Amino acid sequence: MSNDNSKPEVQTDADQANPEAGQHDAADQDGEIAELRLQLNAKEEEAKNNYDRYVRQVAELDNFKKRAAREREESTRYANESLVRDLLPVIDNLERAITHGSSGGNGKPLVEGVDMVLKGFLDILSKHGVQSVAAVGLTFDPAHHEALAQVESTEHQPNTVIEQHQKGYLMRDRLLRPALVTVSKAVISQEKKNEGTEVENDQVDD
């Protein structure tokens, strides 16, 4: 009787394992990596969008600060506008008093005194940026002048200010009130006037 020294083969855990299991593990790892990459890309996109919003908000805040600074500066520059406008009639009255006193023979001292007050008053206003609007001899400017009348003139170019009835005033670059003026216009020839009269008469006859 022969001795069979061979031992039964013992299967290890690795031998018993399903060969497809390793493949599944690798596939799972690849899937997790792909998912993590997607999450990372999403976070990077979110971070980029947040940074863009931050940059825009910083720019908007800077613009707001600049705008607020300009508004404060303008408010300070024109803070006395209403006061100055209320004082303008005082200047008008002083100028009328000087004109009236100059027409008489006994009012010279009064005129000189009022004239000194007026000059001092105008100097103070000038320090605060108030100045009169130039008018007579200039081309009519609707931004600074208000026409009370138009007069035919052969001595002036049409649309020229030939008389000032009340001074206008500026506070720096802002108009407080326009100058009230008379403006020249071209002379209409007698023939054109007659033609106009004839047309009007014909219309009436009809």
N, C-alpha and C. Protein backbone atom coordinates (compact mmCIF):
# COMPACT_ATOMS: atom_id res chain seq x y z
N MET A 1 0.86 -1.17 0.00
CA MET A 1 0.00 0.00 0.00
C MET A 1 0.90 1.21 0.00
N SER A 2 0.69 2.01 -1.04
CA SER A 2 1.60 3.15 -1.24
C SER A 2 1.16 4.30 -0.38
N ASN A 3 2.15 5.01 0.15
CA ASN A 3 1.86 6.23 0.94
C ASN A 3 1.71 7.44 0.02
N ASP A 4 0.58 8.13 0.17
CA ASP A 4 0.34 9.36 -0.64
C ASP A 4 0.68 10.54 0.25
N ASN A 5 1.91 11.06 0.02
CA ASN A 5 2.33 12.18 0.86
C ASN A 5 1.75 13.54 0.45
N SER A 6 1.05 13.52 -0.68
CA SER A 6 0.51 14.84 -1.13
C SER A 6 -0.57 15.32 -0.19
N LYS A 7 -0.50 16.60 0.11
CA LYS A 7 -1.50 17.23 1.00
C LYS A 7 -2.56 17.93 0.16
N PRO A 8 -3.74 17.98 0.68
CA PRO A 8 -4.79 18.72 -0.08
C PRO A 8 -4.42 20.20 -0.16
N GLU A 9 -4.66 20.75 -1.35
CA GLU A 9 -4.32 22.18 -1.56
C GLU A 9 -5.24 23.05 -0.70
N VAL A 10 -4.58 23.98 0.00
CA VAL A 10 -5.34 24.93 0.84
C VAL A 10 -5.51 26.22 0.07
N GLN A 11 -6.73 26.65 -0.16
CA GLN A 11 -7.00 27.89 -0.91
C GLN A 11 -6.88 29.09 0.03
N THR A 12 -6.09 30.03 -0.42
CA THR A 12 -5.93 31.28 0.35
C THR A 12 -7.13 32.18 0.12
N ASP A 13 -7.19 33.25 0.97
CA ASP A 13 -8.29 34.24 0.81
C ASP A 13 -8.23 34.87 -0.56
N ALA A 14 -7.01 35.15 -1.05
CA ALA A 14 -6.86 35.81 -2.36
C ALA A 14 -7.37 34.90 -3.45
N ASP A 15 -7.06 33.53 -3.24
CA ASP A 15 -7.52 32.60 -4.26
C ASP A 15 -9.03 32.49 -4.24
N GLN A 16 -9.59 32.62 -3.03
CA GLN A 16 -11.03 32.50 -2.91
C GLN A 16 -11.76 33.75 -3.39
N ALA A 17 -11.05 34.86 -3.42
CA ALA A 17 -11.70 36.14 -3.78
C ALA A 17 -12.14 36.10 -5.22
N ASN A 18 -13.22 36.87 -5.47
CA ASN A 18 -13.74 37.01 -6.84
C ASN A 18 -12.80 37.91 -7.62
N PRO A 19 -12.26 37.46 -8.76
CA PRO A 19 -11.35 38.31 -9.52
C PRO A 19 -11.99 39.59 -10.01
N GLU A 20 -13.32 39.65 -10.08
CA GLU A 20 -13.99 40.87 -10.54
C GLU A 20 -14.12 41.91 -9.43
N ALA A 21 -13.85 41.49 -8.19
CA ALA A 21 -14.00 42.43 -7.07
C ALA A 21 -13.00 43.57 -7.17
N GLY A 22 -11.75 43.25 -7.53
CA GLY A 22 -10.75 44.29 -7.67
C GLY A 22 -11.13 45.30 -8.74
N GLN A 23 -11.71 44.78 -9.79
CA GLN A 23 -12.13 45.69 -10.86
C GLN A 23 -13.22 46.65 -10.37
N HIS A 24 -14.15 46.13 -9.58
CA HIS A 24 -15.22 46.99 -9.04
C HIS A 24 -14.64 48.06 -8.12
N ASP A 25 -13.66 47.66 -7.28
CA ASP A 25 -13.05 48.65 -6.37
C ASP A 25 -12.37 49.77 -7.15
N ALA A 26 -11.66 49.41 -8.20
CA ALA A 26 -10.98 50.42 -9.02
C ALA A 26 -12.00 51.34 -9.68
N ALA A 27 -13.10 50.77 -10.13
CA ALA A 27 -14.14 51.57 -10.78
C ALA A 27 -14.76 52.54 -9.77
N ASP A 28 -14.97 52.04 -8.54
CA ASP A 28 -15.54 52.92 -7.51
C ASP A 28 -14.61 54.08 -7.21
N GLN A 29 -13.30 53.78 -7.12
CA GLN A 29 -12.33 54.84 -6.84
C GLN A 29 -12.34 55.88 -7.97
N ASP A 30 -12.39 55.41 -9.21
CA ASP A 30 -12.43 56.34 -10.36
C ASP A 30 -13.68 57.22 -10.29
N GLY A 31 -14.81 56.60 -9.91
CA GLY A 31 -16.05 57.36 -9.80
C GLY A 31 -15.96 58.43 -8.72
N GLU A 32 -15.35 58.07 -7.56
CA GLU A 32 -15.21 59.03 -6.48
C GLU A 32 -14.30 60.17 -6.89
N ILE A 33 -13.22 59.84 -7.60
CA ILE A 33 -12.30 60.89 -8.06
C ILE A 33 -13.00 61.84 -9.03
N ALA A 34 -13.79 61.25 -9.95
CA ALA A 34 -14.51 62.08 -10.91
C ALA A 34 -15.50 62.99 -10.20
N GLU A 35 -16.18 62.45 -9.19
CA GLU A 35 -17.15 63.25 -8.44
C GLU A 35 -16.46 64.38 -7.68
N LEU A 36 -15.31 64.05 -7.07
CA LEU A 36 -14.56 65.07 -6.35
C LEU A 36 -14.08 66.18 -7.29
N ARG A 37 -13.68 65.78 -8.51
CA ARG A 37 -13.25 66.78 -9.48
C ARG A 37 -14.41 67.71 -9.86
N LEU A 38 -15.59 67.11 -10.04
CA LEU A 38 -16.77 67.93 -10.35
C LEU A 38 -17.07 68.91 -9.22
N GLN A 39 -16.99 68.40 -7.99
CA GLN A 39 -17.22 69.27 -6.82
C GLN A 39 -16.19 70.39 -6.76
N LEU A 40 -14.92 70.05 -7.05
CA LEU A 40 -13.85 71.05 -7.03
C LEU A 40 -14.09 72.11 -8.10
N ASN A 41 -14.48 71.67 -9.29
CA ASN A 41 -14.76 72.63 -10.36
C ASN A 41 -15.92 73.55 -9.98
N ALA A 42 -16.93 72.97 -9.36
CA ALA A 42 -18.09 73.76 -8.94
C ALA A 42 -17.68 74.80 -7.89
N LYS A 43 -16.83 74.37 -6.94
CA LYS A 43 -16.37 75.31 -5.91
C LYS A 43 -15.50 76.40 -6.52
N GLU A 44 -14.65 76.04 -7.51
CA GLU A 44 -13.82 77.05 -8.16
C GLU A 44 -14.69 78.06 -8.91
N GLU A 45 -15.73 77.59 -9.57
CA GLU A 45 -16.64 78.49 -10.29
C GLU A 45 -17.38 79.39 -9.31
N GLU A 46 -17.80 78.83 -8.18
CA GLU A 46 -18.47 79.62 -7.15
C GLU A 46 -17.54 80.69 -6.59
N ALA A 47 -16.29 80.29 -6.35
CA ALA A 47 -15.31 81.25 -5.82
C ALA A 47 -15.07 82.38 -6.83
N LYS A 48 -15.00 82.04 -8.11
CA LYS A 48 -14.79 83.05 -9.15
C LYS A 48 -15.97 84.03 -9.18
N ASN A 49 -17.19 83.48 -9.12
CA ASN A 49 -18.37 84.34 -9.13
C ASN A 49 -18.41 85.25 -7.91
N ASN A 50 -18.04 84.69 -6.75
CA ASN A 50 -18.01 85.50 -5.53
C ASN A 50 -16.98 86.62 -5.64
N TYR A 51 -15.83 86.34 -6.24
CA TYR A 51 -14.80 87.36 -6.40
C TYR A 51 -15.26 88.45 -7.37
N ASP A 52 -15.94 88.05 -8.45
CA ASP A 52 -16.47 89.04 -9.39
C ASP A 52 -17.48 89.96 -8.72
N ARG A 53 -18.36 89.37 -7.90
CA ARG A 53 -19.34 90.18 -7.17
C ARG A 53 -18.64 91.12 -6.19
N TYR A 54 -17.61 90.63 -5.56
CA TYR A 54 -16.85 91.46 -4.62
C TYR A 54 -16.22 92.65 -5.34
N VAL A 55 -15.62 92.40 -6.51
CA VAL A 55 -14.99 93.48 -7.27
C VAL A 55 -16.03 94.52 -7.68
N ARG A 56 -17.21 94.06 -8.15
CA ARG A 56 -18.27 94.99 -8.55
C ARG A 56 -18.76 95.82 -7.36
N GLN A 57 -18.93 95.17 -6.22
CA GLN A 57 -19.41 95.88 -5.04
C GLN A 57 -18.39 96.92 -4.57
N VAL A 58 -17.11 96.57 -4.65
CA VAL A 58 -16.07 97.53 -4.27
C VAL A 58 -16.12 98.74 -5.21
N ALA A 59 -16.30 98.49 -6.53
CA ALA A 59 -16.37 99.59 -7.50
C ALA A 59 -17.61 100.45 -7.24
N GLU A 60 -18.74 99.81 -6.96
CA GLU A 60 -19.98 100.56 -6.68
C GLU A 60 -19.83 101.39 -5.42
N LEU A 61 -19.20 100.83 -4.41
CA LEU A 61 -18.98 101.58 -3.17
C LEU A 61 -18.08 102.78 -3.41
N ASP A 62 -17.04 102.59 -4.22
CA ASP A 62 -16.13 103.69 -4.54
C ASP A 62 -16.86 104.79 -5.30
N ASN A 63 -17.70 104.40 -6.27
CA ASN A 63 -18.48 105.40 -7.01
C ASN A 63 -19.45 106.14 -6.11
N PHE A 64 -20.07 105.40 -5.18
CA PHE A 64 -20.99 106.04 -4.23
C PHE A 64 -20.27 107.06 -3.36
N LYS A 65 -19.08 106.72 -2.89
CA LYS A 65 -18.32 107.65 -2.06
C LYS A 65 -17.96 108.91 -2.84
N LYS A 66 -17.54 108.73 -4.11
CA LYS A 66 -17.19 109.89 -4.93
C LYS A 66 -18.42 110.77 -5.18
N ARG A 67 -19.56 110.12 -5.49
CA ARG A 67 -20.77 110.88 -5.74
C ARG A 67 -21.22 111.64 -4.49
N ALA A 68 -21.14 110.98 -3.34
CA ALA A 68 -21.52 111.64 -2.08
C ALA A 68 -20.59 112.81 -1.78
N ALA A 69 -19.30 112.65 -2.08
CA ALA A 69 -18.35 113.74 -1.86
C ALA A 69 -18.66 114.93 -2.76
N ARG A 70 -19.02 114.66 -4.03
CA ARG A 70 -19.38 115.75 -4.95
C ARG A 70 -20.63 116.47 -4.48
N GLU A 71 -21.61 115.70 -4.01
CA GLU A 71 -22.86 116.32 -3.54
C GLU A 71 -22.61 117.16 -2.30
N ARG A 72 -21.75 116.69 -1.41
CA ARG A 72 -21.43 117.48 -0.22
C ARG A 72 -20.71 118.77 -0.60
N GLU A 73 -19.78 118.66 -1.56
CA GLU A 73 -19.04 119.83 -2.01
C GLU A 73 -19.98 120.85 -2.65
N GLU A 74 -20.90 120.37 -3.50
CA GLU A 74 -21.83 121.28 -4.16
C GLU A 74 -22.77 121.92 -3.14
N SER A 75 -23.22 121.12 -2.16
CA SER A 75 -24.10 121.66 -1.13
C SER A 75 -23.40 122.76 -0.34
N THR A 76 -22.11 122.57 -0.07
CA THR A 76 -21.34 123.58 0.67
C THR A 76 -21.13 124.83 -0.17
N ARG A 77 -20.83 124.63 -1.48
CA ARG A 77 -20.55 125.77 -2.36
C ARG A 77 -21.79 126.66 -2.54
N TYR A 78 -22.97 126.05 -2.55
CA TYR A 78 -24.18 126.82 -2.83
C TYR A 78 -25.11 126.90 -1.61
N ALA A 79 -24.54 126.73 -0.44
CA ALA A 79 -25.35 126.75 0.78
C ALA A 79 -26.05 128.08 1.00
N ASN A 80 -25.43 129.19 0.55
CA ASN A 80 -25.99 130.52 0.79
C ASN A 80 -26.76 131.05 -0.41
N GLU A 81 -27.13 130.18 -1.32
CA GLU A 81 -27.79 130.64 -2.55
C GLU A 81 -29.08 131.40 -2.26
N SER A 82 -29.94 130.84 -1.42
CA SER A 82 -31.23 131.50 -1.13
C SER A 82 -31.01 132.84 -0.44
N LEU A 83 -30.01 132.91 0.45
CA LEU A 83 -29.72 134.17 1.13
C LEU A 83 -29.28 135.23 0.14
N VAL A 84 -28.38 134.85 -0.74
CA VAL A 84 -27.89 135.81 -1.73
C VAL A 84 -29.02 136.28 -2.63
N ARG A 85 -29.90 135.37 -3.05
CA ARG A 85 -31.01 135.75 -3.91
C ARG A 85 -31.91 136.76 -3.21
N ASP A 86 -32.12 136.57 -1.91
CA ASP A 86 -32.95 137.51 -1.16
C ASP A 86 -32.30 138.87 -1.01
N LEU A 87 -30.97 138.93 -1.07
CA LEU A 87 -30.28 140.20 -0.91
C LEU A 87 -30.23 141.01 -2.21
N LEU A 88 -30.50 140.38 -3.32
CA LEU A 88 -30.40 141.09 -4.59
C LEU A 88 -31.33 142.31 -4.68
N PRO A 89 -32.56 142.25 -4.18
CA PRO A 89 -33.40 143.45 -4.23
C PRO A 89 -32.80 144.64 -3.46
N VAL A 90 -32.01 144.35 -2.43
CA VAL A 90 -31.34 145.44 -1.70
C VAL A 90 -30.38 146.18 -2.64
N ILE A 91 -29.66 145.42 -3.43
CA ILE A 91 -28.76 146.04 -4.41
C ILE A 91 -29.56 146.88 -5.39
N ASP A 92 -30.70 146.34 -5.83
CA ASP A 92 -31.54 147.09 -6.77
C ASP A 92 -31.96 148.44 -6.17
N ASN A 93 -32.39 148.40 -4.91
CA ASN A 93 -32.85 149.63 -4.26
C ASN A 93 -31.71 150.64 -4.09
N LEU A 94 -30.53 150.15 -3.75
CA LEU A 94 -29.39 151.05 -3.61
C LEU A 94 -29.04 151.68 -4.95
N GLU A 95 -29.08 150.92 -6.00
CA GLU A 95 -28.78 151.46 -7.33
C GLU A 95 -29.83 152.48 -7.76
N ARG A 96 -31.10 152.20 -7.44
CA ARG A 96 -32.15 153.17 -7.77
C ARG A 96 -31.98 154.46 -6.97
N ALA A 97 -31.56 154.34 -5.69
CA ALA A 97 -31.36 155.52 -4.86
C ALA A 97 -30.23 156.39 -5.43
N ILE A 98 -29.17 155.74 -5.89
CA ILE A 98 -28.06 156.49 -6.48
C ILE A 98 -28.52 157.19 -7.75
N THR A 99 -29.28 156.48 -8.58
CA THR A 99 -29.78 157.09 -9.82
C THR A 99 -30.70 158.26 -9.52
N HIS A 100 -31.59 158.09 -8.56
CA HIS A 100 -32.53 159.16 -8.20
C HIS A 100 -31.81 160.35 -7.58
N GLY A 101 -30.85 160.09 -6.68
CA GLY A 101 -30.12 161.19 -6.03
C GLY A 101 -29.23 161.95 -7.00
N SER A 102 -28.76 161.25 -8.04
CA SER A 102 -27.88 161.92 -9.00
C SER A 102 -28.62 162.94 -9.84
N SER A 103 -29.93 162.81 -9.94
CA SER A 103 -30.71 163.75 -10.76
C SER A 103 -30.94 165.09 -10.06
N GLY A 104 -30.78 165.15 -8.74
CA GLY A 104 -30.98 166.39 -7.98
C GLY A 104 -29.66 167.08 -7.68
N GLY A 105 -29.75 168.33 -7.28
CA GLY A 105 -28.52 169.09 -7.02
C GLY A 105 -28.04 169.00 -5.59
N ASN A 106 -28.92 168.62 -4.65
CA ASN A 106 -28.56 168.65 -3.22
C ASN A 106 -28.30 167.25 -2.64
N GLY A 107 -28.34 166.24 -3.48
CA GLY A 107 -28.23 164.88 -2.94
C GLY A 107 -26.87 164.26 -3.10
N LYS A 108 -25.85 165.07 -3.40
CA LYS A 108 -24.54 164.49 -3.64
C LYS A 108 -23.99 163.73 -2.44
N PRO A 109 -24.03 164.29 -1.22
CA PRO A 109 -23.51 163.54 -0.07
C PRO A 109 -24.23 162.21 0.14
N LEU A 110 -25.55 162.23 -0.05
CA LEU A 110 -26.32 161.00 0.11
C LEU A 110 -25.92 159.99 -0.95
N VAL A 111 -25.76 160.47 -2.15
CA VAL A 111 -25.37 159.58 -3.23
C VAL A 111 -24.01 158.96 -2.95
N GLU A 112 -23.08 159.77 -2.49
CA GLU A 112 -21.74 159.25 -2.21
C GLU A 112 -21.78 158.20 -1.10
N GLY A 113 -22.59 158.45 -0.07
CA GLY A 113 -22.70 157.49 1.04
C GLY A 113 -23.32 156.18 0.60
N VAL A 114 -24.42 156.29 -0.15
CA VAL A 114 -25.08 155.07 -0.64
C VAL A 114 -24.16 154.32 -1.60
N ASP A 115 -23.42 155.07 -2.41
CA ASP A 115 -22.50 154.45 -3.36
C ASP A 115 -21.42 153.66 -2.62
N MET A 116 -20.92 154.17 -1.53
CA MET A 116 -19.92 153.45 -0.73
C MET A 116 -20.50 152.16 -0.16
N VAL A 117 -21.76 152.25 0.35
CA VAL A 117 -22.41 151.06 0.90
C VAL A 117 -22.59 150.01 -0.18
N LEU A 118 -23.02 150.45 -1.36
CA LEU A 118 -23.25 149.53 -2.46
C LEU A 118 -21.95 148.83 -2.88
N LYS A 119 -20.87 149.59 -2.98
CA LYS A 119 -19.59 149.01 -3.37
C LYS A 119 -19.12 147.98 -2.34
N GLY A 120 -19.29 148.32 -1.05
CA GLY A 120 -18.91 147.37 -0.01
C GLY A 120 -19.75 146.10 -0.06
N PHE A 121 -21.03 146.30 -0.31
CA PHE A 121 -21.94 145.16 -0.39
C PHE A 121 -21.55 144.26 -1.56
N LEU A 122 -21.26 144.86 -2.71
CA LEU A 122 -20.88 144.09 -3.89
C LEU A 122 -19.54 143.37 -3.67
N ASP A 123 -18.64 144.00 -2.95
CA ASP A 123 -17.36 143.36 -2.65
C ASP A 123 -17.56 142.09 -1.82
N ILE A 124 -18.48 142.17 -0.85
CA ILE A 124 -18.75 141.02 0.00
C ILE A 124 -19.35 139.87 -0.84
N LEU A 125 -20.30 140.23 -1.70
CA LEU A 125 -20.90 139.21 -2.55
C LEU A 125 -19.87 138.59 -3.49
N SER A 126 -18.96 139.43 -3.98
CA SER A 126 -17.93 138.93 -4.88
C SER A 126 -17.04 137.89 -4.18
N LYS A 127 -16.76 138.11 -2.90
CA LYS A 127 -15.96 137.15 -2.15
C LYS A 127 -16.65 135.79 -2.04
N HIS A 128 -17.98 135.82 -2.12
CA HIS A 128 -18.75 134.58 -2.03
C HIS A 128 -19.11 134.04 -3.40
N GLY A 129 -18.45 134.53 -4.44
CA GLY A 129 -18.64 133.97 -5.77
C GLY A 129 -19.78 134.56 -6.57
N VAL A 130 -20.35 135.69 -6.13
CA VAL A 130 -21.47 136.30 -6.84
C VAL A 130 -20.94 137.39 -7.77
N GLN A 131 -21.39 137.37 -9.00
CA GLN A 131 -21.00 138.39 -9.97
C GLN A 131 -22.16 138.71 -10.89
N SER A 132 -22.15 139.92 -11.45
CA SER A 132 -23.24 140.32 -12.32
C SER A 132 -23.06 139.71 -13.71
N VAL A 133 -24.17 139.59 -14.41
CA VAL A 133 -24.18 139.03 -15.76
C VAL A 133 -23.90 140.14 -16.76
N ALA A 134 -22.91 139.96 -17.61
CA ALA A 134 -22.64 140.94 -18.67
C ALA A 134 -23.79 140.90 -19.67
N ALA A 135 -24.20 142.10 -20.14
CA ALA A 135 -25.38 142.13 -21.00
C ALA A 135 -25.23 143.12 -22.15
N VAL A 136 -25.20 144.41 -21.87
CA VAL A 136 -25.28 145.45 -22.91
C VAL A 136 -24.12 145.31 -23.89
N GLY A 137 -24.48 145.32 -25.19
CA GLY A 137 -23.48 145.22 -26.24
C GLY A 137 -23.15 143.79 -26.65
N LEU A 138 -23.65 142.82 -25.90
CA LEU A 138 -23.38 141.42 -26.22
C LEU A 138 -24.55 140.80 -26.99
N THR A 139 -24.29 139.69 -27.65
CA THR A 139 -25.35 138.95 -28.31
C THR A 139 -26.29 138.36 -27.25
N PHE A 140 -27.57 138.45 -27.51
CA PHE A 140 -28.57 137.94 -26.57
C PHE A 140 -28.33 136.46 -26.30
N ASP A 141 -28.25 136.11 -25.01
CA ASP A 141 -28.01 134.73 -24.58
C ASP A 141 -29.16 134.30 -23.69
N PRO A 142 -30.06 133.44 -24.18
CA PRO A 142 -31.21 133.04 -23.36
C PRO A 142 -30.84 132.33 -22.07
N ALA A 143 -29.60 131.85 -21.99
CA ALA A 143 -29.16 131.19 -20.75
C ALA A 143 -28.89 132.20 -19.64
N HIS A 144 -28.64 133.48 -20.03
CA HIS A 144 -28.31 134.51 -19.03
C HIS A 144 -29.18 135.76 -19.13
N HIS A 145 -29.91 135.91 -20.23
CA HIS A 145 -30.71 137.12 -20.45
C HIS A 145 -32.18 136.76 -20.62
N GLU A 146 -33.04 137.70 -20.23
CA GLU A 146 -34.48 137.56 -20.47
C GLU A 146 -34.94 138.82 -21.20
N ALA A 147 -35.44 138.64 -22.42
CA ALA A 147 -35.82 139.79 -23.25
C ALA A 147 -37.20 140.30 -22.85
N LEU A 148 -37.28 141.61 -22.53
CA LEU A 148 -38.56 142.25 -22.25
C LEU A 148 -39.15 142.86 -23.51
N ALA A 149 -38.29 143.22 -24.45
CA ALA A 149 -38.75 143.86 -25.69
C ALA A 149 -37.72 143.69 -26.78
N GLN A 150 -38.19 143.85 -28.03
CA GLN A 150 -37.32 143.89 -29.20
C GLN A 150 -37.55 145.22 -29.92
N VAL A 151 -36.47 145.86 -30.29
CA VAL A 151 -36.54 147.19 -30.91
C VAL A 151 -35.76 147.17 -32.20
N GLU A 152 -36.35 147.74 -33.26
CA GLU A 152 -35.63 147.86 -34.53
C GLU A 152 -34.46 148.83 -34.35
N SER A 153 -33.33 148.46 -34.91
CA SER A 153 -32.14 149.30 -34.77
C SER A 153 -31.24 149.16 -35.98
N THR A 154 -30.77 150.33 -36.46
CA THR A 154 -29.79 150.32 -37.56
C THR A 154 -28.37 150.44 -37.02
N GLU A 155 -28.23 150.69 -35.73
CA GLU A 155 -26.91 150.89 -35.11
C GLU A 155 -26.34 149.60 -34.54
N HIS A 156 -27.16 148.59 -34.42
CA HIS A 156 -26.71 147.33 -33.80
C HIS A 156 -27.07 146.15 -34.68
N GLN A 157 -26.28 145.10 -34.56
CA GLN A 157 -26.59 143.86 -35.23
C GLN A 157 -27.86 143.26 -34.61
N PRO A 158 -28.67 142.57 -35.41
CA PRO A 158 -29.85 141.93 -34.83
C PRO A 158 -29.47 140.99 -33.70
N ASN A 159 -30.37 140.91 -32.71
CA ASN A 159 -30.21 140.02 -31.56
C ASN A 159 -29.09 140.48 -30.62
N THR A 160 -28.87 141.80 -30.58
CA THR A 160 -27.88 142.39 -29.68
C THR A 160 -28.60 143.06 -28.51
N VAL A 161 -28.06 142.89 -27.30
CA VAL A 161 -28.63 143.54 -26.11
C VAL A 161 -28.27 145.03 -26.17
N ILE A 162 -29.28 145.89 -26.25
CA ILE A 162 -29.02 147.33 -26.37
C ILE A 162 -29.39 148.10 -25.10
N GLU A 163 -30.11 147.46 -24.19
CA GLU A 163 -30.47 148.12 -22.93
C GLU A 163 -30.71 147.08 -21.85
N GLN A 164 -30.29 147.41 -20.63
CA GLN A 164 -30.49 146.52 -19.48
C GLN A 164 -31.41 147.20 -18.49
N HIS A 165 -32.49 146.54 -18.16
CA HIS A 165 -33.47 147.09 -17.21
C HIS A 165 -33.22 146.62 -15.78
N GLN A 166 -32.67 145.45 -15.64
CA GLN A 166 -32.33 144.91 -14.32
C GLN A 166 -31.18 143.94 -14.48
N LYS A 167 -30.20 144.07 -13.60
CA LYS A 167 -29.01 143.23 -13.70
C LYS A 167 -29.33 141.77 -13.38
N GLY A 168 -28.62 140.89 -14.05
CA GLY A 168 -28.67 139.48 -13.70
C GLY A 168 -27.44 139.12 -12.88
N TYR A 169 -27.53 138.01 -12.15
CA TYR A 169 -26.41 137.63 -11.29
C TYR A 169 -26.14 136.14 -11.37
N LEU A 170 -24.85 135.81 -11.27
CA LEU A 170 -24.38 134.43 -11.22
C LEU A 170 -23.75 134.17 -9.86
N MET A 171 -23.93 132.95 -9.36
CA MET A 171 -23.18 132.49 -8.19
C MET A 171 -22.27 131.38 -8.67
N ARG A 172 -21.00 131.74 -8.88
CA ARG A 172 -20.02 130.88 -9.54
C ARG A 172 -20.56 130.54 -10.93
N ASP A 173 -20.90 129.28 -11.19
CA ASP A 173 -21.37 128.93 -12.53
C ASP A 173 -22.89 128.72 -12.57
N ARG A 174 -23.60 129.13 -11.53
CA ARG A 174 -25.05 128.94 -11.48
C ARG A 174 -25.76 130.29 -11.57
N LEU A 175 -26.79 130.33 -12.42
CA LEU A 175 -27.55 131.56 -12.61
C LEU A 175 -28.53 131.75 -11.46
N LEU A 176 -28.40 132.92 -10.77
CA LEU A 176 -29.35 133.26 -9.73
C LEU A 176 -30.60 133.88 -10.33
N ARG A 177 -30.41 134.79 -11.27
CA ARG A 177 -31.53 135.37 -12.01
C ARG A 177 -30.99 135.96 -13.30
N PRO A 178 -31.78 135.95 -14.37
CA PRO A 178 -31.30 136.49 -15.65
C PRO A 178 -31.37 138.01 -15.67
N ALA A 179 -30.60 138.61 -16.56
CA ALA A 179 -30.67 140.06 -16.77
C ALA A 179 -31.89 140.36 -17.64
N LEU A 180 -32.67 141.38 -17.26
CA LEU A 180 -33.83 141.80 -18.03
C LEU A 180 -33.37 142.84 -19.04
N VAL A 181 -33.57 142.57 -20.32
CA VAL A 181 -32.95 143.39 -21.35
C VAL A 181 -33.91 143.69 -22.50
N THR A 182 -33.50 144.67 -23.30
CA THR A 182 -34.12 144.96 -24.59
C THR A 182 -33.15 144.52 -25.68
N VAL A 183 -33.68 143.87 -26.71
CA VAL A 183 -32.85 143.28 -27.76
C VAL A 183 -33.17 143.94 -29.10
N SER A 184 -32.13 144.16 -29.90
CA SER A 184 -32.32 144.77 -31.22
C SER A 184 -32.81 143.74 -32.22
N LYS A 185 -33.49 144.24 -33.25
CA LYS A 185 -33.88 143.39 -34.37
C LYS A 185 -33.72 144.18 -35.66
N ALA A 186 -33.70 143.46 -36.77
CA ALA A 186 -33.49 144.11 -38.06
C ALA A 186 -34.63 145.06 -38.39
N VAL A 187 -34.29 146.15 -39.07
CA VAL A 187 -35.28 147.14 -39.47
C VAL A 187 -36.07 146.61 -40.66
N ILE A 188 -37.37 146.66 -40.55
CA ILE A 188 -38.23 146.23 -41.65
C ILE A 188 -38.45 147.43 -42.58
N SER A 189 -38.16 147.25 -43.86
CA SER A 189 -38.29 148.35 -44.82
C SER A 189 -39.74 148.77 -44.96
N GLN A 190 -39.94 150.03 -45.39
CA GLN A 190 -41.28 150.55 -45.54
C GLN A 190 -42.07 149.76 -46.57
N GLU A 191 -41.37 149.27 -47.62
CA GLU A 191 -42.06 148.49 -48.65
C GLU A 191 -42.63 147.21 -48.06
N LYS A 192 -41.82 146.53 -47.20
CA LYS A 192 -42.29 145.30 -46.59
C LYS A 192 -43.46 145.58 -45.64
N LYS A 193 -43.37 146.75 -44.94
CA LYS A 193 -44.47 147.11 -44.06
C LYS A 193 -45.74 147.35 -44.87
N ASN A 194 -45.58 148.04 -46.02
CA ASN A 194 -46.74 148.31 -46.88
C ASN A 194 -47.32 147.01 -47.43
N GLU A 195 -46.40 146.09 -47.83
CA GLU A 195 -46.87 144.81 -48.34
C GLU A 195 -47.67 144.06 -47.28
N GLY A 196 -47.17 144.12 -46.06
CA GLY A 196 -47.89 143.47 -44.98
C GLY A 196 -49.24 144.10 -44.74
N THR A 197 -49.31 145.44 -44.85
CA THR A 197 -50.58 146.13 -44.65
C THR A 197 -51.56 145.78 -45.75
N GLU A 198 -51.03 145.71 -47.01
CA GLU A 198 -51.91 145.38 -48.14
C GLU A 198 -52.47 143.96 -47.99
N VAL A 199 -51.63 143.03 -47.55
CA VAL A 199 -52.11 141.66 -47.36
C VAL A 199 -53.20 141.63 -46.31
N GLU A 200 -52.99 142.35 -45.19
CA GLU A 200 -53.99 142.39 -44.13
C GLU A 200 -55.30 143.00 -44.65
N ASN A 201 -55.19 144.10 -45.46
CA ASN A 201 -56.38 144.73 -46.00
C ASN A 201 -57.14 143.79 -46.92
N ASP A 202 -56.37 143.04 -47.79
CA ASP A 202 -57.02 142.09 -48.70
C ASP A 202 -57.75 141.02 -47.93
N GLN A 203 -57.14 140.57 -46.84
CA GLN A 203 -57.80 139.54 -46.03
C GLN A 203 -59.08 140.06 -45.40
N VAL A 204 -59.04 141.32 -45.00
CA VAL A 204 -60.24 141.91 -44.40
C VAL A 204 -61.32 142.08 -45.44
N ASP A 205 -60.94 142.52 -46.69
CA ASP A 205 -61.93 142.71 -47.76
C ASP A 205 -62.62 141.41 -48.11
N ASP A 206 -61.85 140.31 -48.07
CA ASP A 206 -62.47 139.01 -48.37
C ASP A 206 -63.52 138.68 -47.35
